[in-house]
């Protein structure tokens, strides 16, 4: 993380593995990533990224 802020919305591309924002909550953003395993099958993974708290 470079400490930069970027505006996002559902559907925003993010990450290196064709990730897209699928949900935005108060304390986290959920990103769905798509990648292929060694046999070429697509694997879908949802990743919750915690947002820093604003004090």
PDB file of N, CA and C in Angstrom:
ATOM      1  N   UNK A   1       0.830  -1.180   0.000  1.00  0.00           N
ATOM      2  CA  UNK A   1       0.000   0.000   0.000  1.00  0.00           C
ATOM      3  C   UNK A   1       0.873   1.241   0.000  1.00  0.00           C
ATOM      4  N   UNK A   2       0.525   2.166  -0.816  1.00  0.00           N
ATOM      5  CA  UNK A   2       1.272   3.417  -0.907  1.00  0.00           C
ATOM      6  C   UNK A   2       0.654   4.508  -0.049  1.00  0.00           C
ATOM      7  N   UNK A   3      -0.457   4.209   0.619  1.00  0.00           N
ATOM      8  CA  UNK A   3      -1.102   5.197   1.464  1.00  0.00           C
ATOM      9  C   UNK A   3      -1.925   6.211   0.690  1.00  0.00           C
ATOM     10  N   UNK A   4      -2.214   5.920  -0.576  1.00  0.00           N
ATOM     11  CA  UNK A   4      -3.000   6.828  -1.393  1.00  0.00           C
ATOM     12  C   UNK A   4      -4.468   6.428  -1.330  1.00  0.00           C
ATOM     13  N   UNK A   5      -5.352   7.399  -1.437  1.00  0.00           N
ATOM     14  CA  UNK A   5      -6.777   7.114  -1.486  1.00  0.00           C
ATOM     15  C   UNK A   5      -7.281   7.167  -2.916  1.00  0.00           C
ATOM     16  N   UNK A   6      -8.190   6.253  -3.241  1.00  0.00           N
ATOM     17  CA  UNK A   6      -8.777   6.220  -4.580  1.00  0.00           C
ATOM     18  C   UNK A   6     -10.280   6.011  -4.450  1.00  0.00           C
ATOM     19  N   UNK A   7     -11.082   6.776  -5.186  1.00  0.00           N
ATOM     20  CA  UNK A   7     -12.529   6.540  -5.137  1.00  0.00           C
ATOM     21  C   UNK A   7     -12.875   5.224  -5.834  1.00  0.00           C
ATOM     22  N   UNK A   8     -13.758   4.455  -5.223  1.00  0.00           N
ATOM     23  CA  UNK A   8     -14.187   3.182  -5.818  1.00  0.00           C
ATOM     24  C   UNK A   8     -15.696   3.066  -5.726  1.00  0.00           C
ATOM     25  N   UNK A   9     -16.257   2.164  -6.507  1.00  0.00           N
ATOM     26  CA  UNK A   9     -17.666   1.807  -6.427  1.00  0.00           C
ATOM     27  C   UNK A   9     -17.765   0.337  -6.807  1.00  0.00           C
ATOM     28  N   UNK A  10     -18.925  -0.253  -6.622  1.00  0.00           N
ATOM     29  CA  UNK A  10     -19.114  -1.648  -7.007  1.00  0.00           C
ATOM     30  C   UNK A  10     -18.838  -1.765  -8.504  1.00  0.00           C
ATOM     31  N   UNK A  11     -17.998  -2.741  -8.856  1.00  0.00           N
ATOM     32  CA  UNK A  11     -17.621  -2.941 -10.251  1.00  0.00           C
ATOM     33  C   UNK A  11     -16.264  -2.373 -10.612  1.00  0.00           C
ATOM     34  N   UNK A  12     -15.663  -1.571  -9.726  1.00  0.00           N
ATOM     35  CA  UNK A  12     -14.348  -0.994  -9.993  1.00  0.00           C
ATOM     36  C   UNK A  12     -13.304  -2.101 -10.075  1.00  0.00           C
ATOM     37  N   UNK A  13     -12.496  -2.129 -11.158  1.00  0.00           N
ATOM     38  CA  UNK A  13     -11.409  -3.108 -11.230  1.00  0.00           C
ATOM     39  C   UNK A  13     -10.341  -2.774 -10.188  1.00  0.00           C
ATOM     40  N   UNK A  14      -9.808  -3.811  -9.548  1.00  0.00           N
ATOM     41  CA  UNK A  14      -8.799  -3.593  -8.518  1.00  0.00           C
ATOM     42  C   UNK A  14      -7.915  -4.832  -8.406  1.00  0.00           C
ATOM     43  N   UNK A  15      -6.642  -4.640  -8.179  1.00  0.00           N
ATOM     44  CA  UNK A  15      -5.719  -5.752  -7.983  1.00  0.00           C
ATOM     45  C   UNK A  15      -5.118  -6.271  -9.276  1.00  0.00           C
ATOM     46  N   UNK A  16      -4.299  -7.305  -9.126  1.00  0.00           N
ATOM     47  CA  UNK A  16      -3.549  -7.871 -10.250  1.00  0.00           C
ATOM     48  C   UNK A  16      -4.206  -9.093 -10.875  1.00  0.00           C
ATOM     49  N   UNK A  17      -5.204  -9.638 -10.211  1.00  0.00           N
ATOM     50  CA  UNK A  17      -5.821 -10.885 -10.689  1.00  0.00           C
ATOM     51  C   UNK A  17      -7.241 -10.655 -11.183  1.00  0.00           C
ATOM     52  N   UNK A  18      -7.423  -9.659 -12.001  1.00  0.00           N
ATOM     53  CA  UNK A  18      -8.724  -9.334 -12.589  1.00  0.00           C
ATOM     54  C   UNK A  18      -9.796  -9.140 -11.525  1.00  0.00           C
ATOM     55  N   UNK A  19      -9.416  -8.561 -10.383  1.00  0.00           N
ATOM     56  CA  UNK A  19     -10.354  -8.344  -9.292  1.00  0.00           C
ATOM     57  C   UNK A  19     -11.333  -7.224  -9.589  1.00  0.00           C
ATOM     58  N   UNK A  20     -12.511  -7.340  -9.005  1.00  0.00           N
ATOM     59  CA  UNK A  20     -13.550  -6.317  -9.104  1.00  0.00           C
ATOM     60  C   UNK A  20     -14.188  -6.154  -7.733  1.00  0.00           C
ATOM     61  N   UNK A  21     -14.512  -4.913  -7.376  1.00  0.00           N
ATOM     62  CA  UNK A  21     -15.207  -4.642  -6.125  1.00  0.00           C
ATOM     63  C   UNK A  21     -16.626  -5.192  -6.253  1.00  0.00           C
ATOM     64  N   UNK A  22     -17.030  -6.038  -5.293  1.00  0.00           N
ATOM     65  CA  UNK A  22     -18.389  -6.589  -5.336  1.00  0.00           C
ATOM     66  C   UNK A  22     -19.258  -6.080  -4.186  1.00  0.00           C
ATOM     67  N   UNK A  23     -18.628  -5.536  -3.123  1.00  0.00           N
ATOM     68  CA  UNK A  23     -19.398  -5.041  -1.986  1.00  0.00           C
ATOM     69  C   UNK A  23     -18.575  -4.009  -1.235  1.00  0.00           C
ATOM     70  N   UNK A  24     -19.231  -2.953  -0.789  1.00  0.00           N
ATOM     71  CA  UNK A  24     -18.571  -1.930   0.020  1.00  0.00           C
ATOM     72  C   UNK A  24     -19.362  -1.793   1.315  1.00  0.00           C
ATOM     73  N   UNK A  25     -18.687  -2.056   2.425  1.00  0.00           N
ATOM     74  CA  UNK A  25     -19.298  -1.958   3.748  1.00  0.00           C
ATOM     75  C   UNK A  25     -18.612  -0.845   4.530  1.00  0.00           C
ATOM     76  N   UNK A  26     -19.104  -0.571   5.740  1.00  0.00           N
ATOM     77  CA  UNK A  26     -18.517   0.494   6.552  1.00  0.00           C
ATOM     78  C   UNK A  26     -17.048   0.250   6.877  1.00  0.00           C
ATOM     79  N   UNK A  27     -16.688  -1.006   7.159  1.00  0.00           N
ATOM     80  CA  UNK A  27     -15.334  -1.292   7.624  1.00  0.00           C
ATOM     81  C   UNK A  27     -14.502  -2.130   6.665  1.00  0.00           C
ATOM     82  N   UNK A  28     -15.076  -2.532   5.523  1.00  0.00           N
ATOM     83  CA  UNK A  28     -14.309  -3.338   4.581  1.00  0.00           C
ATOM     84  C   UNK A  28     -14.867  -3.239   3.164  1.00  0.00           C
ATOM     85  N   UNK A  29     -14.012  -3.598   2.229  1.00  0.00           N
ATOM     86  CA  UNK A  29     -14.380  -3.690   0.821  1.00  0.00           C
ATOM     87  C   UNK A  29     -14.143  -5.135   0.411  1.00  0.00           C
ATOM     88  N   UNK A  30     -15.092  -5.738  -0.283  1.00  0.00           N
ATOM     89  CA  UNK A  30     -14.951  -7.122  -0.724  1.00  0.00           C
ATOM     90  C   UNK A  30     -14.640  -7.120  -2.215  1.00  0.00           C
ATOM     91  N   UNK A  31     -13.534  -7.798  -2.562  1.00  0.00           N
ATOM     92  CA  UNK A  31     -13.065  -7.873  -3.942  1.00  0.00           C
ATOM     93  C   UNK A  31     -13.141  -9.323  -4.397  1.00  0.00           C
ATOM     94  N   UNK A  32     -13.672  -9.549  -5.586  1.00  0.00           N
ATOM     95  CA  UNK A  32     -13.714 -10.897  -6.169  1.00  0.00           C
ATOM     96  C   UNK A  32     -12.605 -10.992  -7.205  1.00  0.00           C
ATOM     97  N   UNK A  33     -11.718 -11.977  -7.022  1.00  0.00           N
ATOM     98  CA  UNK A  33     -10.606 -12.206  -7.944  1.00  0.00           C
ATOM     99  C   UNK A  33     -10.830 -13.481  -8.735  1.00  0.00           C
ATOM    100  N   UNK A  34     -10.371 -13.458  -9.964  1.00  0.00           N
ATOM    101  CA  UNK A  34     -10.463 -14.616 -10.852  1.00  0.00           C
ATOM    102  C   UNK A  34      -9.055 -15.000 -11.270  1.00  0.00           C
ATOM    103  N   UNK A  35      -8.718 -16.280 -11.137  1.00  0.00           N
ATOM    104  CA  UNK A  35      -7.412 -16.740 -11.609  1.00  0.00           C
ATOM    105  C   UNK A  35      -7.560 -18.167 -12.101  1.00  0.00           C
ATOM    106  N   UNK A  36      -6.529 -18.686 -12.713  1.00  0.00           N
ATOM    107  CA  UNK A  36      -6.572 -20.055 -13.234  1.00  0.00           C
ATOM    108  C   UNK A  36      -5.593 -20.921 -12.457  1.00  0.00           C
ATOM    109  N   UNK A  37      -6.005 -22.172 -12.192  1.00  0.00           N
ATOM    110  CA  UNK A  37      -5.101 -23.098 -11.523  1.00  0.00           C
ATOM    111  C   UNK A  37      -4.179 -23.738 -12.558  1.00  0.00           C
ATOM    112  N   UNK A  38      -3.344 -24.666 -12.128  1.00  0.00           N
ATOM    113  CA  UNK A  38      -2.352 -25.259 -13.024  1.00  0.00           C
ATOM    114  C   UNK A  38      -2.982 -26.081 -14.148  1.00  0.00           C
ATOM    115  N   UNK A  39      -4.248 -26.439 -14.008  1.00  0.00           N
ATOM    116  CA  UNK A  39      -4.951 -27.176 -15.069  1.00  0.00           C
ATOM    117  C   UNK A  39      -5.745 -26.257 -15.994  1.00  0.00           C
ATOM    118  N   UNK A  40      -5.709 -24.964 -15.700  1.00  0.00           N
ATOM    119  CA  UNK A  40      -6.427 -24.011 -16.536  1.00  0.00           C
ATOM    120  C   UNK A  40      -7.855 -23.742 -16.092  1.00  0.00           C
ATOM    121  N   UNK A  41      -8.257 -24.343 -14.973  1.00  0.00           N
ATOM    122  CA  UNK A  41      -9.603 -24.100 -14.453  1.00  0.00           C
ATOM    123  C   UNK A  41      -9.642 -22.763 -13.731  1.00  0.00           C
ATOM    124  N   UNK A  42     -10.726 -22.034 -13.920  1.00  0.00           N
ATOM    125  CA  UNK A  42     -10.851 -20.737 -13.270  1.00  0.00           C
ATOM    126  C   UNK A  42     -11.225 -20.915 -11.802  1.00  0.00           C
ATOM    127  N   UNK A  43     -10.546 -20.176 -10.947  1.00  0.00           N
ATOM    128  CA  UNK A  43     -10.814 -20.179  -9.513  1.00  0.00           C
ATOM    129  C   UNK A  43     -11.282 -18.780  -9.139  1.00  0.00           C
ATOM    130  N   UNK A  44     -12.388 -18.714  -8.411  1.00  0.00           N
ATOM    131  CA  UNK A  44     -12.940 -17.440  -7.966  1.00  0.00           C
ATOM    132  C   UNK A  44     -12.711 -17.338  -6.467  1.00  0.00           C
ATOM    133  N   UNK A  45     -12.206 -16.183  -6.036  1.00  0.00           N
ATOM    134  CA  UNK A  45     -11.915 -15.997  -4.612  1.00  0.00           C
ATOM    135  C   UNK A  45     -12.387 -14.616  -4.184  1.00  0.00           C
ATOM    136  N   UNK A  46     -13.130 -14.538  -3.085  1.00  0.00           N
ATOM    137  CA  UNK A  46     -13.557 -13.262  -2.522  1.00  0.00           C
ATOM    138  C   UNK A  46     -12.610 -12.890  -1.389  1.00  0.00           C
ATOM    139  N   UNK A  47     -12.148 -11.650  -1.418  1.00  0.00           N
ATOM    140  CA  UNK A  47     -11.188 -11.169  -0.430  1.00  0.00           C
ATOM    141  C   UNK A  47     -11.766  -9.936   0.254  1.00  0.00           C
ATOM    142  N   UNK A  48     -11.819  -9.961   1.592  1.00  0.00           N
ATOM    143  CA  UNK A  48     -12.282  -8.811   2.362  1.00  0.00           C
ATOM    144  C   UNK A  48     -11.070  -7.965   2.733  1.00  0.00           C
ATOM    145  N   UNK A  49     -11.094  -6.720   2.315  1.00  0.00           N
ATOM    146  CA  UNK A  49     -10.000  -5.792   2.619  1.00  0.00           C
ATOM    147  C   UNK A  49     -10.512  -4.799   3.655  1.00  0.00           C
ATOM    148  N   UNK A  50      -9.902  -4.822   4.838  1.00  0.00           N
ATOM    149  CA  UNK A  50     -10.328  -3.916   5.907  1.00  0.00           C
ATOM    150  C   UNK A  50      -9.943  -2.479   5.580  1.00  0.00           C
ATOM    151  N   UNK A  51     -10.845  -1.571   5.917  1.00  0.00           N
ATOM    152  CA  UNK A  51     -10.582  -0.153   5.726  1.00  0.00           C
ATOM    153  C   UNK A  51     -10.027   0.426   7.023  1.00  0.00           C
ATOM    154  N   UNK A  52      -9.111   1.384   6.910  1.00  0.00           N
ATOM    155  CA  UNK A  52      -8.588   2.001   8.132  1.00  0.00           C
ATOM    156  C   UNK A  52      -9.686   2.797   8.835  1.00  0.00           C
ATOM    157  N   UNK A  53      -9.653   2.785  10.158  1.00  0.00           N
ATOM    158  CA  UNK A  53     -10.657   3.546  10.904  1.00  0.00           C
ATOM    159  C   UNK A  53     -10.294   5.024  10.886  1.00  0.00           C
ATOM    160  N   UNK A  54     -11.313   5.845  10.848  1.00  0.00           N
ATOM    161  CA  UNK A  54     -11.111   7.298  10.862  1.00  0.00           C
ATOM    162  C   UNK A  54     -11.430   7.776  12.269  1.00  0.00           C
ATOM    163  N   UNK A  55     -10.431   8.262  12.952  1.00  0.00           N
ATOM    164  CA  UNK A  55     -10.622   8.719  14.339  1.00  0.00           C
ATOM    165  C   UNK A  55     -10.670  10.213  14.423  1.00  0.00           C
TER     166      UNK A  55
END
